[in-house]
Amino acid sequence: MGCVLVYFRGNTMKPVHIEFIEDARWRWVWAGALLCSLGVAGEVAWHWYQTEQTAQQENARITAVRERLQQLRTPAPIPADPRHSSSAQAAQLLQQDLNLAFSTVEHLQEPGARLRGLAWEAAANTLRLEYALDSVIKAAAVTEALNAGDDRRPWQLESVGGGGANGASGSVSMVSGPPAFRGVWSVKLQKL
């Protein structure tokens, strides 16, 4: 294996023949250089991987700190004062107009029907009336009288049953003595 080089000196040209000699020592040198290059490349790659891992961890910490700061910046909810909510509920209940319901009850003129009890359920905003009736047929007449002049018919008959000593739950009995029948009507106050 060789090559010929042409060497110019002045006006003359001299050919130079160079022979390459394969020497086993140079293979070891090149192999060592290749191994060193691979080692340096591996070290650079390992350093780059370590740097990327550290950068990701730092980004995660920064994100966590930002989220924590955002949580601290938002105001904490103020717990409701039970006295305030109780007084607000009482004020709302006192502002309800019960005059229309009581006016209907006071002006009911149905023979054979007597008011036995009245119950107001503030939580459900419902008024219940219990009437003592002479007969079951009077239930329809009382329903018509309660809904007189109102097309929406807010008063609803809940039940008609045989007479009993107890009034509607939570009610105050206004008439003593057992009636033959009793009827219970209810109305949502916002429907009046």
N, C-alpha and C. Protein backbone atom coordinates (compact mmCIF):
# COMPACT_ATOMS: atom_id res chain seq x y z
N MET A 1 0.84 -1.15 0.00
CA MET A 1 0.00 0.00 0.00
C MET A 1 0.90 1.23 0.00
N GLY A 2 0.70 2.09 -0.93
CA GLY A 2 1.55 3.26 -1.02
C GLY A 2 0.92 4.30 -1.90
N CYS A 3 1.62 5.41 -2.02
CA CYS A 3 1.11 6.49 -2.87
C CYS A 3 2.31 7.24 -3.43
N VAL A 4 2.03 7.94 -4.53
CA VAL A 4 3.08 8.71 -5.19
C VAL A 4 2.70 10.17 -5.10
N LEU A 5 3.57 10.99 -4.60
CA LEU A 5 3.37 12.42 -4.54
C LEU A 5 4.34 13.08 -5.49
N VAL A 6 3.88 14.12 -6.09
CA VAL A 6 4.74 14.86 -7.00
C VAL A 6 5.20 16.10 -6.26
N TYR A 7 6.51 16.28 -6.28
CA TYR A 7 7.11 17.38 -5.54
C TYR A 7 7.69 18.35 -6.53
N PHE A 8 7.28 19.58 -6.47
CA PHE A 8 7.79 20.62 -7.37
C PHE A 8 8.85 21.41 -6.65
N ARG A 9 10.02 21.57 -7.33
CA ARG A 9 11.08 22.42 -6.80
C ARG A 9 11.66 23.19 -7.97
N GLY A 10 11.28 24.45 -7.91
CA GLY A 10 11.75 25.27 -9.03
C GLY A 10 11.02 24.85 -10.29
N ASN A 11 11.85 24.54 -11.35
CA ASN A 11 11.27 24.14 -12.62
C ASN A 11 11.25 22.63 -12.77
N THR A 12 11.74 21.95 -11.81
CA THR A 12 11.82 20.50 -11.92
C THR A 12 10.76 19.84 -11.06
N MET A 13 10.40 18.74 -11.49
CA MET A 13 9.38 17.98 -10.79
C MET A 13 10.00 16.65 -10.38
N LYS A 14 9.90 16.32 -9.13
CA LYS A 14 10.46 15.08 -8.64
C LYS A 14 9.35 14.25 -8.01
N PRO A 15 9.23 13.06 -8.44
CA PRO A 15 8.22 12.22 -7.80
C PRO A 15 8.75 11.63 -6.49
N VAL A 16 7.85 11.58 -5.50
CA VAL A 16 8.21 10.99 -4.20
C VAL A 16 7.24 9.85 -3.97
N HIS A 17 7.79 8.70 -3.70
CA HIS A 17 6.97 7.53 -3.46
C HIS A 17 6.99 7.22 -1.97
N ILE A 18 5.77 7.18 -1.36
CA ILE A 18 5.68 6.92 0.08
C ILE A 18 4.98 5.59 0.26
N GLU A 19 5.53 4.75 1.06
CA GLU A 19 4.94 3.46 1.40
C GLU A 19 4.45 3.52 2.84
N PHE A 20 3.18 3.13 3.00
CA PHE A 20 2.62 3.06 4.35
C PHE A 20 2.83 1.67 4.90
N ILE A 21 3.32 1.62 6.10
CA ILE A 21 3.60 0.35 6.73
C ILE A 21 2.57 0.16 7.83
N GLU A 22 1.94 -0.95 7.75
CA GLU A 22 0.95 -1.22 8.79
C GLU A 22 1.70 -1.68 10.01
N ASP A 23 1.50 -0.93 11.05
CA ASP A 23 2.18 -1.25 12.29
C ASP A 23 1.13 -1.53 13.34
N ALA A 24 1.27 -2.59 14.09
CA ALA A 24 0.28 -2.99 15.09
C ALA A 24 0.22 -1.99 16.23
N ARG A 25 1.29 -1.26 16.47
CA ARG A 25 1.29 -0.28 17.57
C ARG A 25 0.28 0.82 17.30
N TRP A 26 0.16 1.25 16.04
CA TRP A 26 -0.80 2.33 15.74
C TRP A 26 -2.24 1.88 15.94
N ARG A 27 -2.52 0.61 15.76
CA ARG A 27 -3.87 0.12 16.04
C ARG A 27 -4.20 0.28 17.51
N TRP A 28 -3.28 0.02 18.34
CA TRP A 28 -3.51 0.20 19.78
C TRP A 28 -3.70 1.68 20.11
N VAL A 29 -2.98 2.52 19.47
CA VAL A 29 -3.12 3.96 19.73
C VAL A 29 -4.51 4.42 19.30
N TRP A 30 -4.91 3.99 18.08
CA TRP A 30 -6.24 4.40 17.61
C TRP A 30 -7.35 3.78 18.45
N ALA A 31 -7.18 2.57 18.87
CA ALA A 31 -8.18 1.93 19.74
C ALA A 31 -8.27 2.67 21.07
N GLY A 32 -7.15 3.05 21.62
CA GLY A 32 -7.14 3.82 22.88
C GLY A 32 -7.81 5.17 22.70
N ALA A 33 -7.52 5.85 21.56
CA ALA A 33 -8.15 7.15 21.28
C ALA A 33 -9.66 6.99 21.13
N LEU A 34 -10.10 5.91 20.46
CA LEU A 34 -11.53 5.66 20.29
C LEU A 34 -12.20 5.40 21.64
N LEU A 35 -11.55 4.61 22.49
CA LEU A 35 -12.11 4.35 23.82
C LEU A 35 -12.19 5.63 24.65
N CYS A 36 -11.15 6.44 24.57
CA CYS A 36 -11.19 7.72 25.31
C CYS A 36 -12.30 8.62 24.79
N SER A 37 -12.48 8.66 23.47
CA SER A 37 -13.55 9.47 22.88
C SER A 37 -14.91 8.97 23.34
N LEU A 38 -15.10 7.63 23.35
CA LEU A 38 -16.36 7.07 23.84
C LEU A 38 -16.58 7.37 25.32
N GLY A 39 -15.52 7.30 26.10
CA GLY A 39 -15.63 7.62 27.53
C GLY A 39 -16.04 9.07 27.75
N VAL A 40 -15.41 9.99 27.00
CA VAL A 40 -15.75 11.41 27.12
C VAL A 40 -17.20 11.63 26.70
N ALA A 41 -17.62 10.99 25.57
CA ALA A 41 -19.00 11.14 25.10
C ALA A 41 -19.99 10.59 26.15
N GLY A 42 -19.67 9.44 26.76
CA GLY A 42 -20.53 8.87 27.80
C GLY A 42 -20.63 9.78 29.00
N GLU A 43 -19.51 10.36 29.39
CA GLU A 43 -19.50 11.29 30.54
C GLU A 43 -20.36 12.51 30.24
N VAL A 44 -20.25 13.04 29.02
CA VAL A 44 -21.06 14.21 28.63
C VAL A 44 -22.54 13.84 28.66
N ALA A 45 -22.88 12.65 28.13
CA ALA A 45 -24.28 12.21 28.12
C ALA A 45 -24.79 12.03 29.55
N TRP A 46 -24.00 11.43 30.43
CA TRP A 46 -24.40 11.23 31.83
C TRP A 46 -24.59 12.56 32.53
N HIS A 47 -23.70 13.49 32.29
CA HIS A 47 -23.82 14.82 32.89
C HIS A 47 -25.09 15.53 32.39
N TRP A 48 -25.37 15.40 31.09
CA TRP A 48 -26.58 16.01 30.53
C TRP A 48 -27.83 15.39 31.16
N TYR A 49 -27.86 14.04 31.34
CA TYR A 49 -29.00 13.37 31.96
C TYR A 49 -29.19 13.84 33.40
N GLN A 50 -28.12 13.94 34.16
CA GLN A 50 -28.19 14.41 35.55
C GLN A 50 -28.73 15.83 35.60
N THR A 51 -28.27 16.67 34.69
CA THR A 51 -28.73 18.07 34.65
C THR A 51 -30.22 18.15 34.34
N GLU A 52 -30.70 17.33 33.40
CA GLU A 52 -32.13 17.31 33.05
C GLU A 52 -32.96 16.86 34.25
N GLN A 53 -32.51 15.82 34.96
CA GLN A 53 -33.23 15.34 36.14
C GLN A 53 -33.31 16.43 37.21
N THR A 54 -32.21 17.09 37.46
CA THR A 54 -32.17 18.16 38.46
C THR A 54 -33.09 19.30 38.04
N ALA A 55 -33.08 19.66 36.75
CA ALA A 55 -33.94 20.74 36.26
C ALA A 55 -35.42 20.38 36.43
N GLN A 56 -35.80 19.13 36.15
CA GLN A 56 -37.18 18.71 36.34
C GLN A 56 -37.60 18.76 37.80
N GLN A 57 -36.71 18.33 38.69
CA GLN A 57 -37.02 18.38 40.12
C GLN A 57 -37.19 19.82 40.59
N GLU A 58 -36.33 20.70 40.12
CA GLU A 58 -36.43 22.11 40.51
C GLU A 58 -37.72 22.73 39.96
N ASN A 59 -38.10 22.38 38.72
CA ASN A 59 -39.36 22.87 38.16
C ASN A 59 -40.55 22.38 38.97
N ALA A 60 -40.50 21.13 39.43
CA ALA A 60 -41.59 20.60 40.25
C ALA A 60 -41.67 21.35 41.58
N ARG A 61 -40.55 21.63 42.18
CA ARG A 61 -40.53 22.40 43.44
C ARG A 61 -41.07 23.81 43.22
N ILE A 62 -40.65 24.45 42.13
CA ILE A 62 -41.12 25.81 41.84
C ILE A 62 -42.63 25.80 41.64
N THR A 63 -43.16 24.82 40.92
CA THR A 63 -44.60 24.71 40.70
C THR A 63 -45.33 24.52 42.02
N ALA A 64 -44.79 23.66 42.90
CA ALA A 64 -45.42 23.44 44.20
C ALA A 64 -45.43 24.72 45.04
N VAL A 65 -44.34 25.46 45.01
CA VAL A 65 -44.27 26.71 45.76
C VAL A 65 -45.26 27.72 45.20
N ARG A 66 -45.38 27.79 43.87
CA ARG A 66 -46.34 28.73 43.26
C ARG A 66 -47.77 28.38 43.64
N GLU A 67 -48.09 27.08 43.63
CA GLU A 67 -49.44 26.65 44.03
C GLU A 67 -49.71 27.00 45.49
N ARG A 68 -48.72 26.78 46.33
CA ARG A 68 -48.87 27.10 47.76
C ARG A 68 -49.07 28.61 47.94
N LEU A 69 -48.32 29.43 47.22
CA LEU A 69 -48.49 30.88 47.29
C LEU A 69 -49.87 31.30 46.81
N GLN A 70 -50.35 30.63 45.75
CA GLN A 70 -51.69 30.95 45.25
C GLN A 70 -52.75 30.60 46.30
N GLN A 71 -52.57 29.50 46.99
CA GLN A 71 -53.50 29.11 48.05
C GLN A 71 -53.46 30.11 49.19
N LEU A 72 -52.27 30.59 49.51
CA LEU A 72 -52.16 31.55 50.60
C LEU A 72 -52.73 32.91 50.21
N ARG A 73 -52.70 33.25 48.92
CA ARG A 73 -53.24 34.53 48.48
C ARG A 73 -54.76 34.55 48.48
N THR A 74 -55.39 33.41 48.20
CA THR A 74 -56.86 33.38 48.21
C THR A 74 -57.32 33.46 49.66
N PRO A 75 -58.31 34.33 49.92
CA PRO A 75 -58.76 34.47 51.30
C PRO A 75 -59.50 33.21 51.77
N ALA A 76 -59.26 32.89 52.99
CA ALA A 76 -59.92 31.74 53.60
C ALA A 76 -61.40 32.07 53.80
N PRO A 77 -62.28 31.07 53.60
CA PRO A 77 -63.70 31.36 53.81
C PRO A 77 -63.97 31.68 55.28
N ILE A 78 -64.76 32.69 55.47
CA ILE A 78 -65.11 33.11 56.83
C ILE A 78 -66.25 32.23 57.31
N PRO A 79 -66.07 31.56 58.42
CA PRO A 79 -67.15 30.70 58.90
C PRO A 79 -68.37 31.54 59.27
N ALA A 80 -69.53 31.00 58.94
CA ALA A 80 -70.77 31.72 59.21
C ALA A 80 -71.04 31.76 60.71
N ASP A 81 -71.46 32.90 61.15
CA ASP A 81 -71.81 33.07 62.55
C ASP A 81 -73.21 32.49 62.76
N PRO A 82 -73.37 31.50 63.62
CA PRO A 82 -74.69 30.88 63.80
C PRO A 82 -75.73 31.89 64.30
N ARG A 83 -75.29 32.88 65.05
CA ARG A 83 -76.25 33.88 65.52
C ARG A 83 -76.77 34.71 64.36
N HIS A 84 -75.88 35.01 63.40
CA HIS A 84 -76.30 35.80 62.24
C HIS A 84 -77.31 35.04 61.39
N SER A 85 -77.03 33.74 61.12
CA SER A 85 -77.95 32.97 60.28
C SER A 85 -79.27 32.75 61.00
N SER A 86 -79.22 32.58 62.32
CA SER A 86 -80.46 32.40 63.08
C SER A 86 -81.28 33.68 63.06
N SER A 87 -80.63 34.82 63.23
CA SER A 87 -81.38 36.08 63.21
C SER A 87 -81.89 36.39 61.80
N ALA A 88 -81.13 36.01 60.77
CA ALA A 88 -81.60 36.21 59.40
C ALA A 88 -82.81 35.34 59.11
N GLN A 89 -82.79 34.11 59.62
CA GLN A 89 -83.94 33.22 59.44
C GLN A 89 -85.16 33.76 60.18
N ALA A 90 -84.95 34.26 61.39
CA ALA A 90 -86.06 34.83 62.15
C ALA A 90 -86.63 36.06 61.44
N ALA A 91 -85.77 36.89 60.90
CA ALA A 91 -86.24 38.08 60.18
C ALA A 91 -87.04 37.68 58.94
N GLN A 92 -86.59 36.63 58.26
CA GLN A 92 -87.31 36.17 57.08
C GLN A 92 -88.68 35.63 57.47
N LEU A 93 -88.74 34.89 58.56
CA LEU A 93 -90.04 34.34 59.01
C LEU A 93 -90.99 35.46 59.44
N LEU A 94 -90.44 36.50 60.07
CA LEU A 94 -91.30 37.60 60.52
C LEU A 94 -91.80 38.45 59.36
N GLN A 95 -91.11 38.41 58.23
CA GLN A 95 -91.54 39.20 57.08
C GLN A 95 -92.63 38.52 56.26
N GLN A 96 -92.95 37.28 56.58
CA GLN A 96 -93.99 36.59 55.83
C GLN A 96 -95.35 37.20 56.16
N ASP A 97 -96.18 37.29 55.15
CA ASP A 97 -97.51 37.86 55.31
C ASP A 97 -98.49 36.72 55.51
N LEU A 98 -98.97 36.58 56.73
CA LEU A 98 -99.94 35.53 57.05
C LEU A 98 -101.37 36.07 57.04
N ASN A 99 -101.53 37.33 56.73
CA ASN A 99 -102.86 37.94 56.79
C ASN A 99 -103.83 37.28 55.83
N LEU A 100 -103.42 36.97 54.63
CA LEU A 100 -104.32 36.36 53.66
C LEU A 100 -104.77 34.98 54.12
N ALA A 101 -103.86 34.21 54.68
CA ALA A 101 -104.22 32.88 55.19
C ALA A 101 -105.19 33.00 56.36
N PHE A 102 -104.90 33.89 57.31
CA PHE A 102 -105.78 34.05 58.46
C PHE A 102 -107.13 34.65 58.06
N SER A 103 -107.14 35.53 57.07
CA SER A 103 -108.39 36.11 56.59
C SER A 103 -109.28 35.03 56.00
N THR A 104 -108.70 34.12 55.25
CA THR A 104 -109.47 33.02 54.67
C THR A 104 -110.08 32.16 55.77
N VAL A 105 -109.30 31.87 56.79
CA VAL A 105 -109.77 31.03 57.89
C VAL A 105 -110.86 31.75 58.69
N GLU A 106 -110.68 33.03 58.95
CA GLU A 106 -111.64 33.78 59.77
C GLU A 106 -112.98 33.97 59.07
N HIS A 107 -112.96 34.09 57.75
CA HIS A 107 -114.19 34.38 57.03
C HIS A 107 -114.87 33.14 56.46
N LEU A 108 -114.40 31.96 56.83
CA LEU A 108 -115.05 30.73 56.38
C LEU A 108 -116.36 30.57 57.13
N GLN A 109 -117.46 30.60 56.41
CA GLN A 109 -118.79 30.47 57.01
C GLN A 109 -119.44 29.23 56.41
N GLU A 110 -119.07 28.09 56.91
CA GLU A 110 -119.63 26.83 56.42
C GLU A 110 -120.31 26.13 57.59
N PRO A 111 -121.62 25.97 57.52
CA PRO A 111 -122.31 25.30 58.63
C PRO A 111 -121.87 23.83 58.71
N GLY A 112 -121.71 23.36 59.90
CA GLY A 112 -121.30 21.98 60.12
C GLY A 112 -119.80 21.78 60.09
N ALA A 113 -119.02 22.87 60.03
CA ALA A 113 -117.55 22.78 60.04
C ALA A 113 -117.02 23.74 61.08
N ARG A 114 -116.21 23.20 62.00
CA ARG A 114 -115.62 24.03 63.06
C ARG A 114 -114.10 23.86 63.03
N LEU A 115 -113.40 24.94 63.19
CA LEU A 115 -111.94 24.89 63.20
C LEU A 115 -111.48 24.24 64.50
N ARG A 116 -110.72 23.16 64.40
CA ARG A 116 -110.19 22.47 65.58
C ARG A 116 -108.74 22.82 65.84
N GLY A 117 -107.98 23.03 64.78
CA GLY A 117 -106.56 23.27 65.00
C GLY A 117 -105.93 23.99 63.83
N LEU A 118 -104.85 24.71 64.15
CA LEU A 118 -104.10 25.46 63.16
C LEU A 118 -102.62 25.22 63.46
N ALA A 119 -101.86 24.84 62.44
CA ALA A 119 -100.42 24.58 62.64
C ALA A 119 -99.65 25.24 61.51
N TRP A 120 -98.61 25.96 61.89
CA TRP A 120 -97.74 26.60 60.89
C TRP A 120 -96.38 25.94 60.99
N GLU A 121 -95.95 25.34 59.88
CA GLU A 121 -94.63 24.71 59.81
C GLU A 121 -93.71 25.68 59.09
N ALA A 122 -92.88 26.37 59.87
CA ALA A 122 -92.01 27.42 59.29
C ALA A 122 -90.99 26.84 58.34
N ALA A 123 -90.44 25.67 58.64
CA ALA A 123 -89.40 25.09 57.78
C ALA A 123 -89.96 24.76 56.40
N ALA A 124 -91.17 24.22 56.34
CA ALA A 124 -91.79 23.88 55.06
C ALA A 124 -92.61 25.03 54.50
N ASN A 125 -92.80 26.09 55.31
CA ASN A 125 -93.60 27.26 54.92
C ASN A 125 -95.02 26.84 54.56
N THR A 126 -95.58 25.99 55.42
CA THR A 126 -96.90 25.41 55.18
C THR A 126 -97.81 25.72 56.37
N LEU A 127 -99.06 26.02 56.05
CA LEU A 127 -100.09 26.23 57.07
C LEU A 127 -101.07 25.07 56.95
N ARG A 128 -101.38 24.40 58.10
CA ARG A 128 -102.32 23.28 58.12
C ARG A 128 -103.52 23.66 59.00
N LEU A 129 -104.67 23.31 58.49
CA LEU A 129 -105.91 23.55 59.23
C LEU A 129 -106.58 22.21 59.47
N GLU A 130 -107.16 22.06 60.68
CA GLU A 130 -107.94 20.87 60.98
C GLU A 130 -109.34 21.33 61.35
N TYR A 131 -110.30 20.81 60.62
CA TYR A 131 -111.70 21.16 60.86
C TYR A 131 -112.45 19.94 61.36
N ALA A 132 -113.38 20.18 62.31
CA ALA A 132 -114.32 19.15 62.74
C ALA A 132 -115.52 19.25 61.80
N LEU A 133 -115.90 18.13 61.20
CA LEU A 133 -116.97 18.10 60.21
C LEU A 133 -118.12 17.23 60.69
N ASP A 134 -119.34 17.63 60.32
CA ASP A 134 -120.51 16.82 60.67
C ASP A 134 -120.60 15.59 59.77
N SER A 135 -120.15 15.73 58.52
CA SER A 135 -120.20 14.60 57.59
C SER A 135 -119.01 14.71 56.62
N VAL A 136 -118.74 13.62 55.94
CA VAL A 136 -117.65 13.58 54.99
C VAL A 136 -117.95 14.50 53.80
N ILE A 137 -119.22 14.67 53.47
CA ILE A 137 -119.61 15.50 52.33
C ILE A 137 -119.20 16.96 52.57
N LYS A 138 -119.11 17.38 53.81
CA LYS A 138 -118.72 18.76 54.13
C LYS A 138 -117.27 19.06 53.71
N ALA A 139 -116.45 18.03 53.52
CA ALA A 139 -115.04 18.25 53.14
C ALA A 139 -114.96 18.97 51.80
N ALA A 140 -115.78 18.59 50.84
CA ALA A 140 -115.76 19.25 49.53
C ALA A 140 -116.24 20.69 49.65
N ALA A 141 -117.25 20.93 50.48
CA ALA A 141 -117.76 22.29 50.66
C ALA A 141 -116.72 23.18 51.34
N VAL A 142 -116.00 22.65 52.31
CA VAL A 142 -114.96 23.43 53.00
C VAL A 142 -113.81 23.73 52.03
N THR A 143 -113.44 22.76 51.19
CA THR A 143 -112.38 22.98 50.21
C THR A 143 -112.77 24.10 49.24
N GLU A 144 -114.02 24.06 48.79
CA GLU A 144 -114.50 25.12 47.89
C GLU A 144 -114.51 26.47 48.59
N ALA A 145 -114.91 26.49 49.85
CA ALA A 145 -114.97 27.76 50.58
C ALA A 145 -113.57 28.33 50.81
N LEU A 146 -112.58 27.46 51.11
CA LEU A 146 -111.21 27.93 51.31
C LEU A 146 -110.61 28.48 50.01
N ASN A 147 -110.94 27.85 48.90
CA ASN A 147 -110.40 28.27 47.59
C ASN A 147 -111.31 29.25 46.87
N ALA A 148 -112.29 29.80 47.53
CA ALA A 148 -113.25 30.68 46.87
C ALA A 148 -112.56 31.87 46.24
N GLY A 149 -112.85 32.09 44.96
CA GLY A 149 -112.31 33.24 44.25
C GLY A 149 -110.86 33.10 43.80
N ASP A 150 -110.25 31.95 43.98
CA ASP A 150 -108.86 31.76 43.56
C ASP A 150 -108.79 30.61 42.56
N ASP A 151 -108.41 30.90 41.34
CA ASP A 151 -108.36 29.88 40.29
C ASP A 151 -107.21 28.90 40.49
N ARG A 152 -106.18 29.29 41.23
CA ARG A 152 -105.02 28.41 41.43
C ARG A 152 -105.31 27.30 42.42
N ARG A 153 -106.35 27.46 43.23
CA ARG A 153 -106.77 26.48 44.25
C ARG A 153 -105.59 26.08 45.15
N PRO A 154 -105.09 27.02 45.94
CA PRO A 154 -103.91 26.71 46.77
C PRO A 154 -104.20 25.77 47.93
N TRP A 155 -105.41 25.79 48.48
CA TRP A 155 -105.73 24.92 49.61
C TRP A 155 -105.99 23.51 49.11
N GLN A 156 -105.29 22.55 49.68
CA GLN A 156 -105.41 21.15 49.29
C GLN A 156 -105.90 20.33 50.47
N LEU A 157 -106.88 19.49 50.22
CA LEU A 157 -107.38 18.57 51.24
C LEU A 157 -106.38 17.44 51.38
N GLU A 158 -105.87 17.26 52.60
CA GLU A 158 -104.89 16.18 52.83
C GLU A 158 -105.57 14.89 53.24
N SER A 159 -106.51 15.00 54.16
CA SER A 159 -107.16 13.78 54.62
C SER A 159 -108.50 14.09 55.27
N VAL A 160 -109.38 13.10 55.25
CA VAL A 160 -110.66 13.14 55.98
C VAL A 160 -110.75 11.81 56.68
N GLY A 161 -111.05 11.87 57.97
CA GLY A 161 -111.11 10.63 58.72
C GLY A 161 -112.12 10.72 59.84
N GLY A 162 -112.27 9.59 60.54
CA GLY A 162 -113.17 9.54 61.67
C GLY A 162 -112.66 10.43 62.78
N GLY A 163 -113.54 10.80 63.68
CA GLY A 163 -113.20 11.74 64.76
C GLY A 163 -112.15 11.19 65.69
N GLY A 164 -111.40 12.06 66.30
CA GLY A 164 -110.36 11.68 67.24
C GLY A 164 -110.09 12.81 68.19
N ALA A 165 -109.45 12.54 69.30
CA ALA A 165 -109.20 13.57 70.30
C ALA A 165 -107.99 14.42 69.96
N ASN A 166 -107.06 13.89 69.16
CA ASN A 166 -105.83 14.63 68.87
C ASN A 166 -106.02 15.53 67.66
N GLY A 167 -105.41 16.70 67.73
CA GLY A 167 -105.45 17.64 66.61
C GLY A 167 -104.29 17.37 65.66
N ALA A 168 -104.09 18.26 64.70
CA ALA A 168 -102.96 18.14 63.78
C ALA A 168 -101.66 18.28 64.57
N SER A 169 -100.61 17.68 64.10
CA SER A 169 -99.35 17.71 64.84
C SER A 169 -98.86 19.14 65.00
N GLY A 170 -98.53 19.51 66.23
CA GLY A 170 -98.03 20.85 66.50
C GLY A 170 -99.12 21.90 66.54
N SER A 171 -100.38 21.48 66.55
CA SER A 171 -101.46 22.46 66.51
C SER A 171 -102.04 22.67 67.89
N VAL A 172 -102.83 23.69 67.98
CA VAL A 172 -103.50 24.01 69.24
C VAL A 172 -104.97 23.73 69.04
N SER A 173 -105.55 22.86 69.84
CA SER A 173 -106.96 22.53 69.71
C SER A 173 -107.79 23.70 70.20
N MET A 174 -108.79 24.10 69.39
CA MET A 174 -109.62 25.25 69.72
C MET A 174 -111.02 24.85 70.15
N VAL A 175 -111.43 23.60 69.91
CA VAL A 175 -112.77 23.15 70.24
C VAL A 175 -112.63 21.84 71.01
N SER A 176 -113.37 21.71 72.08
CA SER A 176 -113.32 20.46 72.83
C SER A 176 -114.47 19.57 72.38
N GLY A 177 -114.33 18.31 72.64
CA GLY A 177 -115.37 17.36 72.26
C GLY A 177 -115.02 16.68 70.97
N PRO A 178 -115.32 15.38 70.89
CA PRO A 178 -114.98 14.63 69.70
C PRO A 178 -115.97 14.92 68.56
N PRO A 179 -115.45 15.28 67.37
CA PRO A 179 -116.33 15.49 66.23
C PRO A 179 -116.66 14.15 65.56
N ALA A 180 -117.61 14.16 64.70
CA ALA A 180 -117.95 12.96 63.96
C ALA A 180 -116.84 12.64 62.95
N PHE A 181 -116.35 13.68 62.24
CA PHE A 181 -115.26 13.52 61.27
C PHE A 181 -114.29 14.68 61.40
N ARG A 182 -113.10 14.47 60.90
CA ARG A 182 -112.15 15.58 60.88
C ARG A 182 -111.47 15.61 59.51
N GLY A 183 -111.20 16.84 59.05
CA GLY A 183 -110.53 17.02 57.77
C GLY A 183 -109.31 17.91 57.96
N VAL A 184 -108.25 17.64 57.22
CA VAL A 184 -107.01 18.41 57.32
C VAL A 184 -106.71 19.01 55.94
N TRP A 185 -106.51 20.33 55.92
CA TRP A 185 -106.17 21.07 54.69
C TRP A 185 -104.81 21.71 54.89
N SER A 186 -104.08 21.87 53.80
CA SER A 186 -102.78 22.54 53.88
C SER A 186 -102.62 23.46 52.69
N VAL A 187 -101.75 24.47 52.88
CA VAL A 187 -101.44 25.41 51.82
C VAL A 187 -99.99 25.85 51.99
N LYS A 188 -99.28 25.96 50.84
CA LYS A 188 -97.95 26.59 50.84
C LYS A 188 -98.18 28.08 50.84
N LEU A 189 -97.57 28.80 51.77
CA LEU A 189 -97.85 30.22 51.92
C LEU A 189 -97.46 31.03 50.70
N GLN A 190 -96.46 30.61 49.94
CA GLN A 190 -96.08 31.38 48.77
C GLN A 190 -97.12 31.25 47.65
N LYS A 191 -98.04 30.26 47.75
CA LYS A 191 -99.09 30.11 46.73
C LYS A 191 -100.27 31.04 47.00
N LEU A 192 -100.35 31.59 48.18
CA LEU A 192 -101.48 32.50 48.48
C LEU A 192 -101.26 33.87 47.88
